[in-house]
Amino acid sequence: DVSRMIEEIVDAQFHNVPYDETKVPSWINLICERVMKGLADSGKPYKYMVNCIIMQKNGAPMMTTWSCFWDTVLDGSAYYRWPKEKSKDNVNKTMDIIVTVHAVSV
């Protein structure tokens, strides 16, 4: 499951890490590369697009959306927000991370 893979990658890396603006670009690259590797290793016949947003928590809401025009039978997407809003183990209160994956059949 793609969402579970993303959760494992993000939680392992950021569980107790405070937000640091200077590290955000490298964190985004790290997340995208690890997710892409996991997807590529699955061996499924798809082209993948991985997007990651990291935002410091400051009381303002973070909203995002996307729209796709594709084959609804063969193509798909996954969305993961970290930390989960209703998580009892919400230890990182300094940042929000959203990862989206789009898979297009080849």
PDB file of N, CA and C in Angstrom:
ATOM      1  N   ASP A   1       0.839  -1.186   0.000  1.00  0.00           N
ATOM      2  CA  ASP A   1       0.000   0.000   0.000  1.00  0.00           C
ATOM      3  C   ASP A   1       0.889   1.255   0.000  1.00  0.00           C
ATOM      4  N   VAL A   2       0.632   2.153  -0.916  1.00  0.00           N
ATOM      5  CA  VAL A   2       1.467   3.340  -1.095  1.00  0.00           C
ATOM      6  C   VAL A   2       1.395   4.265   0.120  1.00  0.00           C
ATOM      7  N   SER A   3       0.211   4.482   0.664  1.00  0.00           N
ATOM      8  CA  SER A   3       0.080   5.370   1.829  1.00  0.00           C
ATOM      9  C   SER A   3       0.871   4.840   3.021  1.00  0.00           C
ATOM     10  N   ARG A   4       0.857   3.537   3.222  1.00  0.00           N
ATOM     11  CA  ARG A   4       1.614   2.943   4.330  1.00  0.00           C
ATOM     12  C   ARG A   4       3.116   3.119   4.114  1.00  0.00           C
ATOM     13  N   MET A   5       3.567   2.951   2.868  1.00  0.00           N
ATOM     14  CA  MET A   5       4.984   3.143   2.560  1.00  0.00           C
ATOM     15  C   MET A   5       5.396   4.587   2.853  1.00  0.00           C
ATOM     16  N   ILE A   6       4.570   5.550   2.422  1.00  0.00           N
ATOM     17  CA  ILE A   6       4.878   6.958   2.668  1.00  0.00           C
ATOM     18  C   ILE A   6       4.924   7.230   4.167  1.00  0.00           C
ATOM     19  N   GLU A   7       3.954   6.702   4.907  1.00  0.00           N
ATOM     20  CA  GLU A   7       3.921   6.899   6.354  1.00  0.00           C
ATOM     21  C   GLU A   7       5.197   6.385   7.012  1.00  0.00           C
ATOM     22  N   GLU A   8       5.637   5.206   6.619  1.00  0.00           N
ATOM     23  CA  GLU A   8       6.848   4.629   7.203  1.00  0.00           C
ATOM     24  C   GLU A   8       8.072   5.486   6.898  1.00  0.00           C
ATOM     25  N   ILE A   9       8.177   5.971   5.676  1.00  0.00           N
ATOM     26  CA  ILE A   9       9.319   6.801   5.282  1.00  0.00           C
ATOM     27  C   ILE A   9       9.328   8.107   6.060  1.00  0.00           C
ATOM     28  N   VAL A  10       8.193   8.781   6.097  1.00  0.00           N
ATOM     29  CA  VAL A  10       8.123  10.096   6.738  1.00  0.00           C
ATOM     30  C   VAL A  10       8.254   9.972   8.253  1.00  0.00           C
ATOM     31  N   ASP A  11       7.545   9.021   8.853  1.00  0.00           N
ATOM     32  CA  ASP A  11       7.595   8.895  10.309  1.00  0.00           C
ATOM     33  C   ASP A  11       8.982   8.515  10.800  1.00  0.00           C
ATOM     34  N   ALA A  12       9.667   7.644  10.075  1.00  0.00           N
ATOM     35  CA  ALA A  12      11.018   7.243  10.480  1.00  0.00           C
ATOM     36  C   ALA A  12      11.981   8.425  10.453  1.00  0.00           C
ATOM     37  N   GLN A  13      11.805   9.324   9.514  1.00  0.00           N
ATOM     38  CA  GLN A  13      12.730  10.443   9.349  1.00  0.00           C
ATOM     39  C   GLN A  13      12.392  11.644  10.221  1.00  0.00           C
ATOM     40  N   PHE A  14      11.108  11.887  10.500  1.00  0.00           N
ATOM     41  CA  PHE A  14      10.702  13.160  11.105  1.00  0.00           C
ATOM     42  C   PHE A  14       9.962  13.046  12.425  1.00  0.00           C
ATOM     43  N   HIS A  15       9.935  11.880  13.014  1.00  0.00           N
ATOM     44  CA  HIS A  15       9.154  11.650  14.231  1.00  0.00           C
ATOM     45  C   HIS A  15       9.404  12.716  15.301  1.00  0.00           C
ATOM     46  N   ASN A  16      10.625  13.010  15.604  1.00  0.00           N
ATOM     47  CA  ASN A  16      10.954  13.991  16.652  1.00  0.00           C
ATOM     48  C   ASN A  16      11.821  15.127  16.135  1.00  0.00           C
ATOM     49  N   VAL A  17      11.774  15.408  14.849  1.00  0.00           N
ATOM     50  CA  VAL A  17      12.634  16.427  14.246  1.00  0.00           C
ATOM     51  C   VAL A  17      11.895  17.760  14.210  1.00  0.00           C
ATOM     52  N   PRO A  18      12.480  18.809  14.796  1.00  0.00           N
ATOM     53  CA  PRO A  18      11.825  20.117  14.727  1.00  0.00           C
ATOM     54  C   PRO A  18      11.977  20.743  13.341  1.00  0.00           C
ATOM     55  N   TYR A  19      11.026  21.576  12.984  1.00  0.00           N
ATOM     56  CA  TYR A  19      11.065  22.273  11.700  1.00  0.00           C
ATOM     57  C   TYR A  19      12.319  23.128  11.615  1.00  0.00           C
ATOM     58  N   ASP A  20      12.997  23.066  10.469  1.00  0.00           N
ATOM     59  CA  ASP A  20      14.189  23.885  10.216  1.00  0.00           C
ATOM     60  C   ASP A  20      14.141  24.313   8.756  1.00  0.00           C
ATOM     61  N   GLU A  21      13.832  25.570   8.535  1.00  0.00           N
ATOM     62  CA  GLU A  21      13.657  26.095   7.179  1.00  0.00           C
ATOM     63  C   GLU A  21      14.839  25.806   6.277  1.00  0.00           C
ATOM     64  N   THR A  22      16.048  25.817   6.825  1.00  0.00           N
ATOM     65  CA  THR A  22      17.238  25.607   6.001  1.00  0.00           C
ATOM     66  C   THR A  22      17.347  24.167   5.494  1.00  0.00           C
ATOM     67  N   LYS A  23      16.673  23.242   6.165  1.00  0.00           N
ATOM     68  CA  LYS A  23      16.758  21.826   5.784  1.00  0.00           C
ATOM     69  C   LYS A  23      15.596  21.354   4.910  1.00  0.00           C
ATOM     70  N   VAL A  24      14.571  22.186   4.757  1.00  0.00           N
ATOM     71  CA  VAL A  24      13.373  21.763   4.022  1.00  0.00           C
ATOM     72  C   VAL A  24      13.679  21.287   2.603  1.00  0.00           C
ATOM     73  N   PRO A  25      14.480  22.009   1.797  1.00  0.00           N
ATOM     74  CA  PRO A  25      14.747  21.499   0.443  1.00  0.00           C
ATOM     75  C   PRO A  25      15.364  20.097   0.426  1.00  0.00           C
ATOM     76  N   SER A  26      16.296  19.836   1.322  1.00  0.00           N
ATOM     77  CA  SER A  26      16.909  18.501   1.341  1.00  0.00           C
ATOM     78  C   SER A  26      15.932  17.464   1.884  1.00  0.00           C
ATOM     79  N   TRP A  27      15.070  17.843   2.823  1.00  0.00           N
ATOM     80  CA  TRP A  27      14.058  16.909   3.324  1.00  0.00           C
ATOM     81  C   TRP A  27      13.090  16.520   2.223  1.00  0.00           C
ATOM     82  N   ILE A  28      12.657  17.503   1.426  1.00  0.00           N
ATOM     83  CA  ILE A  28      11.726  17.217   0.328  1.00  0.00           C
ATOM     84  C   ILE A  28      12.374  16.255  -0.665  1.00  0.00           C
ATOM     85  N   ASN A  29      13.624  16.503  -1.025  1.00  0.00           N
ATOM     86  CA  ASN A  29      14.338  15.601  -1.936  1.00  0.00           C
ATOM     87  C   ASN A  29      14.437  14.198  -1.351  1.00  0.00           C
ATOM     88  N   LEU A  30      14.762  14.094  -0.071  1.00  0.00           N
ATOM     89  CA  LEU A  30      14.903  12.802   0.590  1.00  0.00           C
ATOM     90  C   LEU A  30      13.589  12.026   0.539  1.00  0.00           C
ATOM     91  N   ILE A  31      12.491  12.681   0.891  1.00  0.00           N
ATOM     92  CA  ILE A  31      11.185  12.016   0.877  1.00  0.00           C
ATOM     93  C   ILE A  31      10.840  11.562  -0.536  1.00  0.00           C
ATOM     94  N   CYS A  32      10.953  12.457  -1.505  1.00  0.00           N
ATOM     95  CA  CYS A  32      10.584  12.121  -2.883  1.00  0.00           C
ATOM     96  C   CYS A  32      11.446  10.983  -3.428  1.00  0.00           C
ATOM     97  N   GLU A  33      12.743  11.014  -3.161  1.00  0.00           N
ATOM     98  CA  GLU A  33      13.631   9.960  -3.656  1.00  0.00           C
ATOM     99  C   GLU A  33      13.307   8.611  -3.022  1.00  0.00           C
ATOM    100  N   ARG A  34      13.044   8.589  -1.716  1.00  0.00           N
ATOM    101  CA  ARG A  34      12.743   7.316  -1.050  1.00  0.00           C
ATOM    102  C   ARG A  34      11.396   6.753  -1.494  1.00  0.00           C
ATOM    103  N   VAL A  35      10.406   7.630  -1.650  1.00  0.00           N
ATOM    104  CA  VAL A  35       9.106   7.162  -2.130  1.00  0.00           C
ATOM    105  C   VAL A  35       9.240   6.645  -3.559  1.00  0.00           C
ATOM    106  N   MET A  36       9.946   7.385  -4.402  1.00  0.00           N
ATOM    107  CA  MET A  36      10.122   6.966  -5.789  1.00  0.00           C
ATOM    108  C   MET A  36      10.858   5.627  -5.869  1.00  0.00           C
ATOM    109  N   LYS A  37      11.862   5.433  -5.041  1.00  0.00           N
ATOM    110  CA  LYS A  37      12.587   4.156  -5.030  1.00  0.00           C
ATOM    111  C   LYS A  37      11.651   3.021  -4.630  1.00  0.00           C
ATOM    112  N   GLY A  38      10.846   3.239  -3.604  1.00  0.00           N
ATOM    113  CA  GLY A  38       9.899   2.208  -3.186  1.00  0.00           C
ATOM    114  C   GLY A  38       8.905   1.871  -4.282  1.00  0.00           C
ATOM    115  N   LEU A  39       8.445   2.882  -4.993  1.00  0.00           N
ATOM    116  CA  LEU A  39       7.513   2.652  -6.097  1.00  0.00           C
ATOM    117  C   LEU A  39       8.189   1.908  -7.244  1.00  0.00           C
ATOM    118  N   ALA A  40       9.395   2.329  -7.602  1.00  0.00           N
ATOM    119  CA  ALA A  40      10.129   1.682  -8.692  1.00  0.00           C
ATOM    120  C   ALA A  40      10.443   0.231  -8.344  1.00  0.00           C
ATOM    121  N   ASP A  41      10.781  -0.026  -7.090  1.00  0.00           N
ATOM    122  CA  ASP A  41      11.092  -1.390  -6.659  1.00  0.00           C
ATOM    123  C   ASP A  41       9.882  -2.315  -6.699  1.00  0.00           C
ATOM    124  N   SER A  42       8.688  -1.738  -6.722  1.00  0.00           N
ATOM    125  CA  SER A  42       7.473  -2.570  -6.768  1.00  0.00           C
ATOM    126  C   SER A  42       7.330  -3.278  -8.111  1.00  0.00           C
ATOM    127  N   GLY A  43       7.985  -2.736  -9.151  1.00  0.00           N
ATOM    128  CA  GLY A  43       7.969  -3.372 -10.464  1.00  0.00           C
ATOM    129  C   GLY A  43       6.658  -3.265 -11.219  1.00  0.00           C
ATOM    130  N   LYS A  44       5.772  -2.397 -10.785  1.00  0.00           N
ATOM    131  CA  LYS A  44       4.482  -2.244 -11.469  1.00  0.00           C
ATOM    132  C   LYS A  44       4.638  -1.362 -12.697  1.00  0.00           C
ATOM    133  N   PRO A  45       3.839  -1.597 -13.737  1.00  0.00           N
ATOM    134  CA  PRO A  45       3.993  -0.857 -15.001  1.00  0.00           C
ATOM    135  C   PRO A  45       3.344   0.530 -14.974  1.00  0.00           C
ATOM    136  N   TYR A  46       3.932   1.430 -14.213  1.00  0.00           N
ATOM    137  CA  TYR A  46       3.412   2.790 -14.106  1.00  0.00           C
ATOM    138  C   TYR A  46       4.537   3.802 -14.234  1.00  0.00           C
ATOM    139  N   LYS A  47       4.160   4.999 -14.647  1.00  0.00           N
ATOM    140  CA  LYS A  47       5.030   6.165 -14.517  1.00  0.00           C
ATOM    141  C   LYS A  47       4.540   6.882 -13.273  1.00  0.00           C
ATOM    142  N   TYR A  48       5.477   7.302 -12.432  1.00  0.00           N
ATOM    143  CA  TYR A  48       5.102   7.906 -11.161  1.00  0.00           C
ATOM    144  C   TYR A  48       5.509   9.370 -11.099  1.00  0.00           C
ATOM    145  N   MET A  49       4.705  10.144 -10.397  1.00  0.00           N
ATOM    146  CA  MET A  49       5.028  11.531 -10.058  1.00  0.00           C
ATOM    147  C   MET A  49       4.841  11.661  -8.558  1.00  0.00           C
ATOM    148  N   VAL A  50       5.855  12.157  -7.876  1.00  0.00           N
ATOM    149  CA  VAL A  50       5.798  12.313  -6.423  1.00  0.00           C
ATOM    150  C   VAL A  50       5.968  13.793  -6.111  1.00  0.00           C
ATOM    151  N   ASN A  51       5.093  14.297  -5.260  1.00  0.00           N
ATOM    152  CA  ASN A  51       5.134  15.692  -4.842  1.00  0.00           C
ATOM    153  C   ASN A  51       5.137  15.742  -3.321  1.00  0.00           C
ATOM    154  N   CYS A  52       5.901  16.671  -2.758  1.00  0.00           N
ATOM    155  CA  CYS A  52       5.980  16.800  -1.310  1.00  0.00           C
ATOM    156  C   CYS A  52       5.928  18.272  -0.925  1.00  0.00           C
ATOM    157  N   ILE A  53       5.151  18.570   0.105  1.00  0.00           N
ATOM    158  CA  ILE A  53       5.064  19.914   0.666  1.00  0.00           C
ATOM    159  C   ILE A  53       5.392  19.811   2.145  1.00  0.00           C
ATOM    160  N   ILE A  54       6.260  20.674   2.617  1.00  0.00           N
ATOM    161  CA  ILE A  54       6.552  20.758   4.046  1.00  0.00           C
ATOM    162  C   ILE A  54       6.290  22.191   4.471  1.00  0.00           C
ATOM    163  N   MET A  55       5.484  22.338   5.525  1.00  0.00           N
ATOM    164  CA  MET A  55       5.122  23.672   5.998  1.00  0.00           C
ATOM    165  C   MET A  55       5.232  23.729   7.512  1.00  0.00           C
ATOM    166  N   GLN A  56       5.815  24.807   7.982  1.00  0.00           N
ATOM    167  CA  GLN A  56       5.913  25.014   9.423  1.00  0.00           C
ATOM    168  C   GLN A  56       4.519  25.258   9.991  1.00  0.00           C
ATOM    169  N   LYS A  57       4.232  24.629  11.119  1.00  0.00           N
ATOM    170  CA  LYS A  57       2.945  24.871  11.775  1.00  0.00           C
ATOM    171  C   LYS A  57       3.011  26.225  12.466  1.00  0.00           C
ATOM    172  N   ASN A  58       2.072  27.087  12.111  1.00  0.00           N
ATOM    173  CA  ASN A  58       2.045  28.414  12.719  1.00  0.00           C
ATOM    174  C   ASN A  58       0.623  28.882  12.985  1.00  0.00           C
ATOM    175  N   GLY A  59      -0.322  27.970  12.940  1.00  0.00           N
ATOM    176  CA  GLY A  59      -1.706  28.312  13.193  1.00  0.00           C
ATOM    177  C   GLY A  59      -2.518  28.542  11.932  1.00  0.00           C
ATOM    178  N   ALA A  60      -1.846  28.766  10.804  1.00  0.00           N
ATOM    179  CA  ALA A  60      -2.550  28.948   9.534  1.00  0.00           C
ATOM    180  C   ALA A  60      -2.864  27.577   8.935  1.00  0.00           C
ATOM    181  N   PRO A  61      -4.014  27.444   8.295  1.00  0.00           N
ATOM    182  CA  PRO A  61      -4.339  26.145   7.694  1.00  0.00           C
ATOM    183  C   PRO A  61      -3.510  25.885   6.445  1.00  0.00           C
ATOM    184  N   MET A  62      -3.252  24.614   6.198  1.00  0.00           N
ATOM    185  CA  MET A  62      -2.573  24.220   4.963  1.00  0.00           C
ATOM    186  C   MET A  62      -3.587  23.471   4.114  1.00  0.00           C
ATOM    187  N   MET A  63      -3.830  23.990   2.930  1.00  0.00           N
ATOM    188  CA  MET A  63      -4.786  23.366   2.030  1.00  0.00           C
ATOM    189  C   MET A  63      -4.115  23.137   0.686  1.00  0.00           C
ATOM    190  N   THR A  64      -4.453  22.032   0.070  1.00  0.00           N
ATOM    191  CA  THR A  64      -3.914  21.710  -1.233  1.00  0.00           C
ATOM    192  C   THR A  64      -4.966  20.915  -2.003  1.00  0.00           C
ATOM    193  N   THR A  65      -4.864  20.954  -3.309  1.00  0.00           N
ATOM    194  CA  THR A  65      -5.775  20.175  -4.140  1.00  0.00           C
ATOM    195  C   THR A  65      -5.090  19.853  -5.453  1.00  0.00           C
ATOM    196  N   TRP A  66      -5.638  18.908  -6.188  1.00  0.00           N
ATOM    197  CA  TRP A  66      -5.141  18.609  -7.516  1.00  0.00           C
ATOM    198  C   TRP A  66      -6.308  18.086  -8.342  1.00  0.00           C
ATOM    199  N   SER A  67      -6.128  18.122  -9.612  1.00  0.00           N
ATOM    200  CA  SER A  67      -7.140  17.633 -10.540  1.00  0.00           C
ATOM    201  C   SER A  67      -6.432  16.822 -11.615  1.00  0.00           C
ATOM    202  N   CYS A  68      -7.031  15.720 -12.010  1.00  0.00           N
ATOM    203  CA  CYS A  68      -6.411  14.844 -13.004  1.00  0.00           C
ATOM    204  C   CYS A  68      -7.420  14.472 -14.078  1.00  0.00           C
ATOM    205  N   PHE A  69      -6.943  14.385 -15.287  1.00  0.00           N
ATOM    206  CA  PHE A  69      -7.748  13.888 -16.402  1.00  0.00           C
ATOM    207  C   PHE A  69      -7.010  12.673 -16.938  1.00  0.00           C
ATOM    208  N   TRP A  70      -7.514  11.489 -16.615  1.00  0.00           N
ATOM    209  CA  TRP A  70      -6.808  10.280 -16.976  1.00  0.00           C
ATOM    210  C   TRP A  70      -7.750   9.090 -17.029  1.00  0.00           C
ATOM    211  N   ASP A  71      -7.171   7.912 -17.234  1.00  0.00           N
ATOM    212  CA  ASP A  71      -7.928   6.674 -17.269  1.00  0.00           C
ATOM    213  C   ASP A  71      -8.241   6.280 -15.823  1.00  0.00           C
ATOM    214  N   THR A  72      -9.495   6.416 -15.426  1.00  0.00           N
ATOM    215  CA  THR A  72      -9.866   6.160 -14.032  1.00  0.00           C
ATOM    216  C   THR A  72      -9.804   4.679 -13.655  1.00  0.00           C
ATOM    217  N   VAL A  73      -9.675   3.811 -14.640  1.00  0.00           N
ATOM    218  CA  VAL A  73      -9.572   2.380 -14.360  1.00  0.00           C
ATOM    219  C   VAL A  73      -8.117   1.994 -14.086  1.00  0.00           C
ATOM    220  N   LEU A  74      -7.186   2.514 -14.875  1.00  0.00           N
ATOM    221  CA  LEU A  74      -5.787   2.091 -14.776  1.00  0.00           C
ATOM    222  C   LEU A  74      -4.895   3.041 -13.986  1.00  0.00           C
ATOM    223  N   ASP A  75      -5.211   4.333 -13.979  1.00  0.00           N
ATOM    224  CA  ASP A  75      -4.365   5.322 -13.317  1.00  0.00           C
ATOM    225  C   ASP A  75      -4.895   5.598 -11.911  1.00  0.00           C
ATOM    226  N   GLY A  76      -4.049   6.187 -11.075  1.00  0.00           N
ATOM    227  CA  GLY A  76      -4.500   6.471  -9.717  1.00  0.00           C
ATOM    228  C   GLY A  76      -3.584   7.416  -8.984  1.00  0.00           C
ATOM    229  N   SER A  77      -3.976   7.737  -7.764  1.00  0.00           N
ATOM    230  CA  SER A  77      -3.174   8.631  -6.942  1.00  0.00           C
ATOM    231  C   SER A  77      -3.323   8.243  -5.479  1.00  0.00           C
ATOM    232  N   ALA A  78      -2.357   8.664  -4.699  1.00  0.00           N
ATOM    233  CA  ALA A  78      -2.381   8.459  -3.256  1.00  0.00           C
ATOM    234  C   ALA A  78      -1.983   9.770  -2.598  1.00  0.00           C
ATOM    235  N   TYR A  79      -2.565  10.030  -1.446  1.00  0.00           N
ATOM    236  CA  TYR A  79      -2.336  11.262  -0.707  1.00  0.00           C
ATOM    237  C   TYR A  79      -2.053  10.876   0.733  1.00  0.00           C
ATOM    238  N   TYR A  80      -1.036  11.484   1.320  1.00  0.00           N
ATOM    239  CA  TYR A  80      -0.738  11.208   2.721  1.00  0.00           C
ATOM    240  C   TYR A  80      -0.372  12.497   3.432  1.00  0.00           C
ATOM    241  N   ARG A  81      -1.043  12.765   4.536  1.00  0.00           N
ATOM    242  CA  ARG A  81      -0.728  13.945   5.363  1.00  0.00           C
ATOM    243  C   ARG A  81      -0.102  13.464   6.664  1.00  0.00           C
ATOM    244  N   TRP A  82       0.987  14.118   7.029  1.00  0.00           N
ATOM    245  CA  TRP A  82       1.702  13.741   8.252  1.00  0.00           C
ATOM    246  C   TRP A  82       1.951  14.974   9.091  1.00  0.00           C
ATOM    247  N   PRO A  83       1.843  14.919  10.397  1.00  0.00           N
ATOM    248  CA  PRO A  83       1.280  13.785  11.137  1.00  0.00           C
ATOM    249  C   PRO A  83      -0.225  13.725  10.943  1.00  0.00           C
ATOM    250  N   LYS A  84      -0.768  12.543  11.167  1.00  0.00           N
ATOM    251  CA  LYS A  84      -2.211  12.381  11.012  1.00  0.00           C
ATOM    252  C   LYS A  84      -2.909  13.316  11.992  1.00  0.00           C
ATOM    253  N   GLU A  85      -3.968  13.947  11.533  1.00  0.00           N
ATOM    254  CA  GLU A  85      -4.663  14.952  12.346  1.00  0.00           C
ATOM    255  C   GLU A  85      -5.148  14.409  13.674  1.00  0.00           C
ATOM    256  N   LYS A  86      -5.652  13.210  13.694  1.00  0.00           N
ATOM    257  CA  LYS A  86      -6.242  12.666  14.913  1.00  0.00           C
ATOM    258  C   LYS A  86      -5.342  11.650  15.592  1.00  0.00           C
ATOM    259  N   SER A  87      -4.055  11.703  15.264  1.00  0.00           N
ATOM    260  CA  SER A  87      -3.110  10.755  15.843  1.00  0.00           C
ATOM    261  C   SER A  87      -2.915  11.033  17.328  1.00  0.00           C
ATOM    262  N   LYS A  88      -2.984   9.978  18.138  1.00  0.00           N
ATOM    263  CA  LYS A  88      -2.722  10.120  19.566  1.00  0.00           C
ATOM    264  C   LYS A  88      -1.227  10.297  19.811  1.00  0.00           C
ATOM    265  N   ASP A  89      -0.417   9.886  18.836  1.00  0.00           N
ATOM    266  CA  ASP A  89       1.034   9.966  18.944  1.00  0.00           C
ATOM    267  C   ASP A  89       1.562  11.133  18.118  1.00  0.00           C
ATOM    268  N   ASN A  90       0.864  12.264  18.185  1.00  0.00           N
ATOM    269  CA  ASN A  90       1.231  13.445  17.406  1.00  0.00           C
ATOM    270  C   ASN A  90       2.383  14.169  18.107  1.00  0.00           C
ATOM    271  N   VAL A  91       3.588  13.603  17.993  1.00  0.00           N
ATOM    272  CA  VAL A  91       4.725  14.155  18.715  1.00  0.00           C
ATOM    273  C   VAL A  91       5.364  15.332  17.998  1.00  0.00           C
ATOM    274  N   ASN A  92       5.226  15.421  16.689  1.00  0.00           N
ATOM    275  CA  ASN A  92       5.841  16.525  15.964  1.00  0.00           C
ATOM    276  C   ASN A  92       4.790  17.601  15.737  1.00  0.00           C
ATOM    277  N   LYS A  93       4.878  18.649  16.511  1.00  0.00           N
ATOM    278  CA  LYS A  93       3.918  19.740  16.415  1.00  0.00           C
ATOM    279  C   LYS A  93       4.521  20.950  15.717  1.00  0.00           C
ATOM    280  N   THR A  94       5.648  20.746  15.003  1.00  0.00           N
ATOM    281  CA  THR A  94       6.335  21.883  14.385  1.00  0.00           C
ATOM    282  C   THR A  94       6.122  21.982  12.887  1.00  0.00           C
ATOM    283  N   MET A  95       5.646  20.899  12.245  1.00  0.00           N
ATOM    284  CA  MET A  95       5.495  20.956  10.791  1.00  0.00           C
ATOM    285  C   MET A  95       4.425  19.996  10.303  1.00  0.00           C
ATOM    286  N   ASP A  96       3.911  20.298   9.117  1.00  0.00           N
ATOM    287  CA  ASP A  96       3.007  19.423   8.385  1.00  0.00           C
ATOM    288  C   ASP A  96       3.713  18.995   7.109  1.00  0.00           C
ATOM    289  N   ILE A  97       3.492  17.749   6.716  1.00  0.00           N
ATOM    290  CA  ILE A  97       4.061  17.226   5.477  1.00  0.00           C
ATOM    291  C   ILE A  97       2.929  16.576   4.690  1.00  0.00           C
ATOM    292  N   ILE A  98       2.830  16.925   3.420  1.00  0.00           N
ATOM    293  CA  ILE A  98       1.872  16.282   2.536  1.00  0.00           C
ATOM    294  C   ILE A  98       2.642  15.685   1.365  1.00  0.00           C
ATOM    295  N   VAL A  99       2.387  14.410   1.112  1.00  0.00           N
ATOM    296  CA  VAL A  99       3.018  13.714  -0.016  1.00  0.00           C
ATOM    297  C   VAL A  99       1.904  13.186  -0.911  1.00  0.00           C
ATOM    298  N   THR A 100       2.000  13.475  -2.187  1.00  0.00           N
ATOM    299  CA  THR A 100       1.053  12.927  -3.162  1.00  0.00           C
ATOM    300  C   THR A 100       1.826  12.124  -4.203  1.00  0.00           C
ATOM    301  N   VAL A 101       1.216  11.050  -4.630  1.00  0.00           N
ATOM    302  CA  VAL A 101       1.786  10.191  -5.664  1.00  0.00           C
ATOM    303  C   VAL A 101       0.738  10.017  -6.747  1.00  0.00           C
ATOM    304  N   HIS A 102       1.117  10.234  -7.983  1.00  0.00           N
ATOM    305  CA  HIS A 102       0.260   9.972  -9.128  1.00  0.00           C
ATOM    306  C   HIS A 102       0.896   8.840  -9.914  1.00  0.00           C
ATOM    307  N   ALA A 103       0.091   7.859 -10.295  1.00  0.00           N
ATOM    308  CA  ALA A 103       0.570   6.726 -11.072  1.00  0.00           C
ATOM    309  C   ALA A 103      -0.215   6.658 -12.370  1.00  0.00           C
ATOM    310  N   VAL A 104       0.514   6.685 -13.479  1.00  0.00           N
ATOM    311  CA  VAL A 104      -0.094   6.649 -14.807  1.00  0.00           C
ATOM    312  C   VAL A 104       0.378   5.377 -15.500  1.00  0.00           C
ATOM    313  N   SER A 105      -0.551   4.566 -15.976  1.00  0.00           N
ATOM    314  CA  SER A 105      -0.184   3.297 -16.606  1.00  0.00           C
ATOM    315  C   SER A 105       0.550   3.540 -17.917  1.00  0.00           C
ATOM    316  N   VAL A 106       1.467   2.626 -18.207  1.00  0.00           N
ATOM    317  CA  VAL A 106       2.229   2.727 -19.459  1.00  0.00           C
ATOM    318  C   VAL A 106       1.793   1.681 -20.443  1.00  0.00           C
TER     319      VAL A 106
END
